Protein backbone atom coordinates (compact mmCIF):
# COMPACT_ATOMS: atom_id res chain seq x y z
CA MET A 1 9.15 37.66 2.61
CA PHE A 2 7.12 34.76 4.00
CA LEU A 3 9.49 32.09 2.65
CA THR A 4 12.52 33.96 3.95
CA GLU A 5 11.09 34.46 7.42
CA TYR A 6 9.10 31.27 8.00
CA GLY A 7 10.21 28.84 5.29
CA PHE A 8 12.69 26.93 7.44
CA TYR A 9 10.23 26.50 10.32
CA PHE A 10 7.46 25.22 8.07
CA THR A 11 9.89 22.80 6.44
CA VAL A 12 10.83 21.40 9.84
CA LEU A 13 7.14 21.20 10.80
CA VAL A 14 6.08 19.38 7.64
CA VAL A 15 9.00 16.94 7.90
CA PHE A 16 8.03 16.14 11.49
CA VAL A 17 4.32 15.71 10.70
CA GLY A 18 5.12 13.76 7.52
CA THR A 19 7.33 11.35 9.43
CA TYR A 20 4.65 10.93 12.09
CA PHE A 21 2.06 10.27 9.38
CA ALA A 22 4.35 7.69 7.76
CA TRP A 23 4.82 6.02 11.15
CA LYS A 24 1.05 5.81 11.70
CA ASN A 25 0.64 4.60 8.13
CA GLY A 26 3.23 1.88 8.67
CA ALA A 27 1.41 0.81 11.81
CA SER A 28 -1.75 0.24 9.77
CA SER A 29 0.02 -1.57 6.93
CA LEU A 30 -0.09 -4.86 8.81
CA LEU A 31 -3.85 -4.71 8.38
CA SER A 32 -3.62 -5.21 4.63
CA SER A 33 -0.22 -6.81 4.11
CA LEU A 34 0.36 -9.14 7.03
CA GLY A 35 -2.64 -9.44 9.30
CA ILE A 36 -4.38 -12.28 7.55
CA SER A 37 -1.20 -14.25 6.92
CA LEU A 38 -0.15 -14.04 10.58
CA TRP A 39 -3.64 -15.02 11.60
CA VAL A 40 -3.85 -18.11 9.38
CA SER A 41 -0.35 -19.33 10.21
CA PRO A 42 0.87 -17.46 13.29
CA GLY A 43 3.48 -20.01 14.38
CA SER A 44 5.68 -19.29 17.33
CA ARG A 45 6.66 -15.86 18.57
CA SER A 46 10.01 -16.18 16.80
CA ASN A 47 8.25 -16.90 13.47
CA VAL A 48 6.06 -13.83 13.89
CA ILE A 49 9.15 -11.72 14.57
CA LYS A 50 10.86 -13.12 11.47
CA ILE A 51 7.85 -12.24 9.31
CA LEU A 52 7.72 -8.74 10.80
CA VAL A 53 11.41 -8.19 10.09
CA LEU A 54 10.98 -9.36 6.50
CA ALA A 55 7.92 -7.16 6.10
CA ALA A 56 9.78 -4.15 7.47
CA ILE A 57 12.60 -4.68 4.98
CA PHE A 58 10.22 -4.99 2.03
CA GLU A 59 8.07 -2.09 3.20
CA PHE A 60 11.16 0.11 3.02
CA LEU A 61 12.27 -1.32 -0.34
CA GLY A 62 8.81 -0.71 -1.80
CA ALA A 63 8.94 2.95 -0.80
CA PHE A 64 12.53 3.38 -1.98
CA LEU A 65 12.33 1.52 -5.29
CA ALA A 66 8.77 2.04 -6.47
CA GLY A 67 7.33 5.02 -4.60
CA GLY A 68 8.40 7.80 -6.95
CA HIS A 69 5.50 7.66 -9.39
CA VAL A 70 2.76 8.17 -6.80
CA LEU A 71 4.89 10.83 -5.11
CA THR A 72 4.95 12.77 -8.39
CA THR A 73 1.15 12.54 -8.55
CA PHE A 74 0.78 14.30 -5.19
CA ARG A 75 3.29 16.93 -6.27
CA GLU A 76 1.81 17.78 -9.65
CA SER A 77 -1.56 16.33 -10.49
CA ILE A 78 -4.19 17.10 -7.84
CA ILE A 79 -3.81 20.87 -7.39
CA GLU A 80 -2.74 23.12 -10.26
CA PRO A 81 -0.20 25.60 -8.75
CA THR A 82 -0.30 28.07 -11.66
CA PRO A 83 -3.00 30.37 -10.14
CA ILE A 84 -0.81 30.93 -7.08
CA ILE A 85 2.58 30.89 -8.78
CA ASP A 86 3.29 34.38 -7.46
CA ASN A 87 2.14 33.45 -3.95
CA PRO A 88 3.93 30.19 -3.14
CA GLU A 89 3.28 30.70 0.57
CA ILE A 90 -0.36 29.72 -0.08
CA LEU A 91 0.73 26.28 -1.29
CA VAL A 92 3.13 25.90 1.64
CA LEU A 93 0.39 26.63 4.18
CA GLY A 94 -2.03 24.46 2.24
CA MET A 95 0.18 21.39 2.19
CA VAL A 96 1.04 21.82 5.87
CA SER A 97 -2.70 22.06 6.62
CA ALA A 98 -3.45 18.97 4.54
CA LEU A 99 -0.80 16.89 6.25
CA LEU A 100 -1.87 18.08 9.71
CA ALA A 101 -5.52 17.31 8.95
CA ALA A 102 -4.73 13.82 7.65
CA GLY A 103 -2.45 13.12 10.62
CA ILE A 104 -5.07 14.28 13.16
CA TRP A 105 -7.80 12.15 11.59
CA GLN A 106 -5.45 9.18 11.36
CA THR A 107 -4.69 9.49 15.09
CA LEU A 108 -8.34 9.90 16.09
CA GLY A 109 -9.30 6.92 13.96
CA ARG A 110 -6.79 4.70 15.73
CA LEU A 111 -7.92 5.91 19.17
CA ILE A 112 -11.55 4.92 18.50
CA ASP A 113 -10.64 1.77 16.52
CA TRP A 114 -12.15 3.25 13.36
CA PRO A 115 -10.67 1.99 10.05
CA VAL A 116 -9.04 4.98 8.35
CA SER A 117 -7.56 4.96 4.86
CA THR A 118 -4.41 7.06 4.71
CA THR A 119 -4.86 7.50 0.96
CA GLN A 120 -8.37 8.92 1.27
CA SER A 121 -7.19 11.04 4.23
CA ILE A 122 -4.49 12.91 2.35
CA VAL A 123 -6.39 13.19 -0.94
CA GLY A 124 -9.45 14.54 0.88
CA ALA A 125 -7.28 16.99 2.84
CA ILE A 126 -5.54 18.29 -0.29
CA LEU A 127 -8.90 18.73 -2.03
CA GLY A 128 -10.26 20.62 0.99
CA PHE A 129 -7.36 23.06 0.93
CA GLY A 130 -7.47 23.38 -2.85
CA MET A 131 -11.15 24.25 -3.05
CA GLY A 132 -11.15 26.57 -0.05
CA GLY A 133 -7.71 28.14 -0.26
CA VAL A 134 -7.09 28.40 -3.99
CA GLY A 135 -10.45 27.90 -5.66
CA ILE A 136 -12.54 25.13 -7.12
CA ASP A 137 -10.99 25.71 -10.54
CA ALA A 138 -7.51 24.99 -9.16
CA VAL A 139 -8.45 21.37 -8.52
CA GLN A 140 -7.64 19.18 -11.51
CA TRP A 141 -11.04 17.54 -11.51
CA PRO A 142 -10.50 15.21 -14.48
CA PHE A 143 -7.53 13.65 -12.70
CA VAL A 144 -9.40 13.52 -9.39
CA ALA A 145 -12.21 11.71 -11.21
CA VAL A 146 -9.66 9.21 -12.51
CA ILE A 147 -8.41 8.62 -8.95
CA ALA A 148 -11.98 8.06 -7.73
CA LEU A 149 -12.57 5.63 -10.59
CA ILE A 150 -9.36 3.80 -9.73
CA TRP A 151 -10.55 3.48 -6.11
CA LEU A 152 -13.66 1.72 -7.42
CA VAL A 153 -11.96 -0.38 -10.10
CA THR A 154 -8.86 -1.68 -8.31
CA PRO A 155 -10.73 -3.69 -5.64
CA ALA A 156 -12.70 -5.30 -8.48
CA ILE A 157 -9.47 -6.06 -10.35
CA GLY A 158 -7.96 -7.57 -7.22
CA GLY A 159 -11.13 -9.61 -6.69
CA ILE A 160 -11.22 -10.93 -10.27
CA PHE A 161 -7.52 -11.80 -10.14
CA ALA A 162 -7.97 -13.60 -6.80
CA PHE A 163 -11.05 -15.45 -8.07
CA PHE A 164 -9.26 -16.98 -11.06
CA LEU A 165 -6.08 -17.64 -9.08
CA MET A 166 -8.05 -19.51 -6.41
CA LYS A 167 -9.98 -21.35 -9.14
CA SER A 168 -6.70 -22.55 -10.65
CA ILE A 169 -5.41 -23.69 -7.24
CA GLN A 170 -8.65 -25.52 -6.65
CA HIS A 171 -8.53 -27.21 -10.06
CA LEU A 172 -4.81 -28.00 -10.27
CA ILE A 173 -4.15 -28.87 -6.63
CA LEU A 174 -7.02 -29.16 -4.16
CA ASN A 175 -9.36 -31.23 -6.37
CA SER A 176 -6.66 -33.31 -8.07
CA SER A 177 -6.19 -37.05 -7.48
CA SER A 178 -2.98 -36.35 -5.54
CA PRO A 179 -3.20 -32.88 -3.95
CA PHE A 180 0.16 -33.11 -2.15
CA ARG A 181 2.15 -34.04 -5.27
CA SER A 182 0.26 -31.45 -7.29
CA ALA A 183 1.04 -28.81 -4.68
CA GLN A 184 4.76 -29.67 -4.78
CA LYS A 185 4.71 -29.16 -8.54
CA TYR A 186 2.39 -26.24 -9.17
CA VAL A 187 3.22 -24.04 -6.16
CA LEU A 188 6.67 -23.51 -7.65
CA SER A 189 5.01 -22.27 -10.85
CA TYR A 190 2.93 -19.83 -8.81
CA LEU A 191 6.05 -18.58 -7.06
CA PHE A 192 7.82 -18.07 -10.38
CA ALA A 193 4.86 -16.12 -11.78
CA PHE A 194 4.68 -14.13 -8.54
CA GLY A 195 8.34 -13.10 -8.64
CA PHE A 196 8.25 -12.43 -12.38
CA LEU A 197 5.21 -10.13 -12.27
CA LEU A 198 6.33 -8.14 -9.24
CA ALA A 199 9.84 -7.61 -10.57
CA LEU A 200 8.62 -6.68 -14.05
CA LEU A 201 6.11 -4.14 -12.74
CA THR A 202 8.76 -2.61 -10.46
CA LEU A 203 11.54 -2.38 -13.03
CA PHE A 204 9.55 -1.52 -16.16
CA GLN A 205 10.46 1.99 -17.38
CA GLY A 206 13.24 2.11 -14.79
CA ILE A 207 13.53 4.18 -11.61
CA ASP A 208 13.95 7.80 -12.67
CA TYR A 209 15.10 9.35 -9.39
CA LEU A 210 17.88 6.73 -9.07
CA ASN A 211 18.90 7.20 -12.73
CA PHE A 212 18.31 3.48 -13.16
CA GLU A 213 17.03 2.52 -16.58
CA LEU A 214 16.44 -0.85 -18.18
CA SER A 215 15.21 -1.74 -21.63
CA ILE A 216 12.09 -3.88 -21.97
CA LEU A 217 14.22 -6.93 -22.70
CA GLU A 218 16.49 -6.28 -19.72
CA SER A 219 13.46 -5.83 -17.45
CA ILE A 220 12.08 -9.16 -18.62
CA GLU A 221 15.43 -10.88 -18.07
CA VAL A 222 15.70 -9.59 -14.50
CA ALA A 223 12.07 -10.52 -13.85
CA VAL A 224 12.71 -14.07 -15.06
CA LEU A 225 15.72 -14.28 -12.76
CA MET A 226 13.63 -13.09 -9.81
CA GLY A 227 10.98 -15.69 -10.60
CA VAL A 228 13.60 -18.44 -10.71
CA VAL A 229 15.08 -17.30 -7.38
CA LEU A 230 11.68 -17.33 -5.65
CA ALA A 231 10.80 -20.74 -7.08
CA SER A 232 14.18 -22.14 -6.01
CA LEU A 233 13.79 -20.84 -2.46
CA GLY A 234 10.27 -22.21 -2.34
CA LYS A 235 11.49 -25.63 -3.47
CA ILE A 236 14.00 -25.74 -0.59
CA PHE A 237 11.34 -24.97 2.02
CA ILE A 238 8.65 -27.19 0.50
CA ALA A 239 11.01 -30.18 0.37
CA LYS A 240 10.96 -30.26 4.18
CA ILE A 241 7.20 -30.88 4.30
CA THR A 242 6.02 -34.50 4.35
CA PHE A 243 2.94 -36.46 5.40
CA ASP A 244 1.93 -40.02 6.18
CA ALA A 245 -0.29 -41.34 3.36
CA GLU A 246 -1.76 -43.94 5.69
CA LEU A 247 -3.49 -41.18 7.65
CA GLY A 248 -5.80 -40.52 4.72
CA PRO A 249 -7.04 -37.49 2.74
CA ALA A 250 -7.35 -35.22 5.78
CA ALA A 251 -3.63 -35.52 6.51
CA GLU A 252 -2.81 -34.91 2.85
CA HIS A 253 -4.89 -31.72 2.68
CA ALA A 254 -3.28 -30.56 5.93
CA ALA A 255 0.14 -31.05 4.33
CA VAL A 256 -0.99 -29.07 1.28
CA ASP A 257 -2.09 -26.26 3.59
CA ASN A 258 1.33 -26.39 5.25
CA ILE A 259 2.96 -25.89 1.85
CA PHE A 260 0.90 -22.76 1.24
CA ALA A 261 1.56 -21.60 4.81
CA VAL A 262 5.32 -21.72 4.10
CA ILE A 263 5.08 -19.60 0.94
CA LEU A 264 2.88 -17.05 2.73
CA VAL A 265 6.14 -15.49 3.89
CA PHE A 266 6.90 -14.58 0.25
CA ALA A 267 3.38 -13.31 -0.34
CA ALA A 268 3.30 -11.22 2.85
CA SER A 269 6.70 -9.68 2.02
CA ALA A 270 5.48 -8.81 -1.47
CA MET A 271 2.36 -7.19 -0.05
CA ALA A 272 4.51 -5.13 2.31
CA PHE A 273 6.58 -4.05 -0.73
CA ALA A 274 3.40 -3.09 -2.56
CA HIS A 275 2.10 -1.12 0.42
CA GLY A 276 5.38 0.78 0.71
CA SER A 277 5.38 1.57 -3.01
CA ASN A 278 1.99 3.28 -2.84
CA ASP A 279 1.31 4.59 0.66
CA PHE A 280 4.78 6.12 1.00
CA ALA A 281 3.59 9.08 -1.07
CA ASN A 282 0.67 9.77 1.28
CA SER A 283 3.04 11.20 3.87
CA MET A 284 5.92 12.42 1.74
CA GLY A 285 3.99 14.12 -1.10
CA PRO A 286 3.20 17.28 0.90
CA VAL A 287 6.73 17.22 2.39
CA LEU A 288 8.21 17.27 -1.12
CA VAL A 289 5.98 20.17 -2.19
CA VAL A 290 6.91 22.34 0.80
CA PHE A 291 10.60 21.49 0.55
CA SER A 292 10.67 22.23 -3.19
CA ILE A 293 9.01 25.62 -2.76
CA VAL A 294 11.15 26.71 0.18
CA GLN A 295 14.39 25.58 -1.47
CA GLU A 296 13.74 26.32 -5.12
CA GLY A 297 10.61 28.47 -5.43
CA ALA A 298 7.20 27.54 -6.83
CA GLY A 299 8.28 28.33 -10.38
CA VAL A 300 10.28 25.13 -10.61
CA LEU A 301 7.96 22.99 -8.49
CA GLN A 302 6.86 20.67 -11.25
CA LYS A 303 10.35 19.97 -12.58
CA SER A 304 12.28 19.74 -9.34
CA HIS A 305 14.18 16.55 -8.62
CA LEU A 306 13.15 13.91 -6.09
CA PRO A 307 15.72 13.96 -3.27
CA ILE A 308 16.87 10.62 -1.91
CA TRP A 309 16.35 11.72 1.71
CA ILE A 310 12.59 11.92 1.03
CA PHE A 311 12.56 8.19 0.27
CA LEU A 312 14.75 7.37 3.26
CA LEU A 313 12.55 9.41 5.59
CA GLY A 314 9.23 8.07 4.32
CA GLY A 315 10.41 4.48 3.99
CA GLY A 316 11.97 4.62 7.44
CA GLY A 317 8.77 5.99 9.00
CA LEU A 318 6.65 3.25 7.40
CA THR A 319 9.09 0.57 8.53
CA ILE A 320 9.28 1.76 12.16
CA GLY A 321 5.50 2.04 12.34
CA LEU A 322 5.05 -1.50 11.06
CA VAL A 323 7.50 -2.95 13.58
CA THR A 324 6.35 -0.97 16.62
CA MET A 325 2.57 -0.88 16.22
CA GLY A 326 1.49 -3.09 13.32
CA ILE A 327 0.76 -6.22 15.29
CA ARG A 328 -2.27 -4.55 16.91
CA GLN A 329 -4.11 -4.36 13.59
CA ILE A 330 -4.53 -8.12 13.14
CA GLN A 331 -7.81 -8.10 15.10
CA VAL A 332 -9.57 -6.11 12.36
CA PHE A 333 -9.13 -8.91 9.84
CA ARG A 334 -9.96 -11.53 12.47
CA SER A 335 -13.39 -9.97 12.93
CA ALA A 336 -13.97 -9.31 9.21
CA ILE A 337 -12.95 -12.72 7.84
CA PRO A 338 -14.21 -15.74 9.74
CA ASP A 339 -12.74 -18.51 7.56
CA LEU A 340 -9.54 -18.39 5.52
CA THR A 341 -7.02 -21.11 4.79
CA ALA A 342 -3.40 -20.67 3.75
CA SER A 343 -4.15 -21.31 0.06
CA ARG A 344 -6.90 -18.70 0.10
CA VAL A 345 -4.70 -16.17 1.87
CA PHE A 346 -1.95 -16.75 -0.69
CA SER A 347 -4.47 -15.99 -3.46
CA VAL A 348 -5.52 -12.79 -1.66
CA LEU A 349 -2.00 -11.50 -1.08
CA PHE A 350 -0.71 -12.49 -4.55
CA SER A 351 -3.60 -10.70 -6.28
CA ALA A 352 -3.58 -7.64 -4.05
CA ALA A 353 0.21 -7.16 -4.27
CA VAL A 354 0.25 -7.27 -8.08
CA THR A 355 -2.72 -4.89 -8.29
CA VAL A 356 -1.21 -2.36 -5.88
CA ILE A 357 2.21 -2.35 -7.55
CA PHE A 358 0.59 -1.90 -10.97
CA ALA A 359 -1.29 1.12 -9.58
CA SER A 360 1.95 2.47 -8.08
CA LYS A 361 3.75 2.31 -11.42
CA ALA A 362 0.80 4.15 -12.98
CA GLY A 363 1.16 6.87 -10.32
CA MET A 364 -2.28 6.18 -8.84
CA PRO A 365 -2.76 6.48 -5.05
CA VAL A 366 -4.91 3.53 -3.95
CA SER A 367 -5.99 1.89 -0.71
CA THR A 368 -4.24 -1.42 -0.09
CA ALA A 369 -6.98 -2.36 2.38
CA GLN A 370 -9.67 -1.79 -0.27
CA ILE A 371 -7.85 -3.99 -2.75
CA ALA A 372 -7.18 -6.69 -0.15
CA ILE A 373 -10.88 -6.82 0.76
CA GLY A 374 -11.76 -7.00 -2.95
CA ALA A 375 -9.40 -9.97 -3.29
CA ILE A 376 -11.00 -11.63 -0.25
CA VAL A 377 -14.43 -11.28 -1.86
CA GLY A 378 -13.04 -12.84 -5.05
CA VAL A 379 -11.73 -15.84 -3.12
CA SER A 380 -15.04 -16.16 -1.26
CA CYS A 381 -16.90 -16.33 -4.58
CA VAL A 382 -14.98 -19.48 -5.50
CA ARG A 383 -16.77 -21.24 -2.63
CA GLY A 384 -20.09 -19.70 -3.59
CA ASN A 385 -20.40 -17.53 -0.49
CA PHE A 386 -19.13 -14.30 0.98
CA SER A 387 -17.31 -15.11 4.21
CA LEU A 388 -17.27 -11.53 5.38
CA ASN A 389 -18.62 -9.81 8.45
CA LEU A 390 -20.89 -7.33 6.65
CA ILE A 391 -21.11 -5.03 9.68
CA THR A 392 -17.32 -4.62 9.75
CA VAL A 393 -17.14 -4.16 5.97
CA SER A 394 -19.94 -1.56 6.08
CA LYS A 395 -18.04 0.27 8.79
CA VAL A 396 -14.98 0.35 6.53
CA ALA A 397 -16.99 1.68 3.56
CA ILE A 398 -18.64 4.42 5.64
CA SER A 399 -15.25 5.34 7.06
CA TRP A 400 -13.81 5.94 3.60
CA ILE A 401 -16.58 8.40 2.74
CA LEU A 402 -16.39 10.18 6.09
CA THR A 403 -12.61 10.37 5.79
CA LEU A 404 -12.81 12.40 2.57
CA LEU A 405 -15.34 14.82 4.05
CA ILE A 406 -13.77 15.22 7.50
CA CYS A 407 -10.20 15.61 6.24
CA GLY A 408 -11.35 18.08 3.58
CA MET A 409 -13.16 20.28 6.10
CA LEU A 410 -10.42 20.00 8.72
CA SER A 411 -7.75 20.96 6.17
CA PHE A 412 -9.87 23.92 5.07
CA LEU A 413 -10.18 25.19 8.66
CA LEU A 414 -6.50 24.66 9.43
CA TYR A 415 -5.47 26.53 6.28
CA PHE A 416 -7.50 29.62 7.14
CA SER A 417 -6.22 29.51 10.72
CA LEU A 418 -2.60 29.48 9.48
CA GLN A 419 -3.39 32.13 6.89
CA THR A 420 -4.80 34.40 9.59
CA LEU A 421 -1.70 33.91 11.75
CA PHE A 422 1.03 34.24 9.12
CA LEU A 423 -0.45 36.15 6.16
C-alpha cells in the first residue's frame, strides 16, 4: 500500500536530494583533487579554467567507469534487508532519512567552513537509521569494522606510497648531478607508471554494469597503451621547457619544478577520476536502493541491475558541483600546508589517486581528503619534518568523528519523523 501510494513521490525526493548531495560533494572534491595543484602552480585564469574543465571531465568518467563497486557496497553490505523484507517501506524511509541527514550536515558544514567528509556523513547516517529503525542486529558489523579499518589504513598506505615516490624523485632527479636532464628522462617513466597503474586498476575485472569485460592480459595491454600515451603527451609538453645553464643551480631547479608543474595537470585529472570513482556512491547509493524497491520490490534488491541513468545523474552532479563551487575550497589546503613544491604535489596526487582507485575497485568507501593528507604527511617525512598546520588537521580529525555521530542521530530522528507521518 505504501509503495503504491507514496513510492513515486519518495523516488522523486531521493533523486532530488541525491543530486543535491552529489553537487555539494563535487564542490568539495577540489579540496582533495585539485586544490593543492592549483595553489602550487595557479598560472593564469585561463590555465585554471582549463584544469577545472579537465577535472570535471575526469570526475564524471571516474563515476561512470569505476563507481559501480562502491555503489554495490552501499546497496548490499552495510544494512542487511532480510529482517524487513516484508516491510520494504522501512528501508525506503530509512534511505531517504540517511540521505537527508547527510545532505543537511554537508550544507551546515560548508556554511560554517567546517571540513565534512561525505563518506563519513552517509555511512554514519545509514548506521543511525539501521540501528534505530531496524535494529542493531541488522547492521553488518563485521563489514562496518572493515570499512573503519580501511579508513585508518588507506591514509597510511597513501603516505607510505608518497614517501617512497618522493624519495625516488629526490634520489633520481633533485639530488643528481644534472637535475634538469634527469627530470627530462625520469618524469616520463613516472608518467608511464602513473597511466599504467590507473588504467589497470580501473579495467581489471571489467565493468559489470556496462557488460565490458577484459581478460587479465587484455587489461595489461590496455594499461601499457595508456602509460605510453601519457608519457608521449608528457614528452611533448616537457620539450618546451628550457633554462639557461649560465644562471646556475637555482635556475636549473626552477626549470625542474616547471617540468613537474606541467605534469600536475595529469595528476590532478587522475585525482579527480579517483574522487569520482569513490564518492559518486555516497550520493547515489541510497537513490539506487529506493529506486530498486519502488520499481522491483525489496525481494530482488540485492540482485537488481545498476541503471545507467544512476551513473549519469551522480557523475553529472559531481561535475557541476566541481565547476560551480570547487574553487572556493582551495583555501583549506593553503592554511593546512605551508610549503609544497610541484614535485611534492605530484607525489601526493599520484599516491592518493592510486590508493583511492584501488579502494574503489575493492568496493570500499573512503575519504579522498584523508588519503591526500596521509600522502602529504608521507612527503613531509622525506624532509624530516611535518609541514602541516596541526590546528587545521586536528579540526579535520574531530570533524570526522562528529560527522559519524551527528549524521547517525539526525538520520535516526528523521526516520522516526517520517515513520510517524507515513506509517
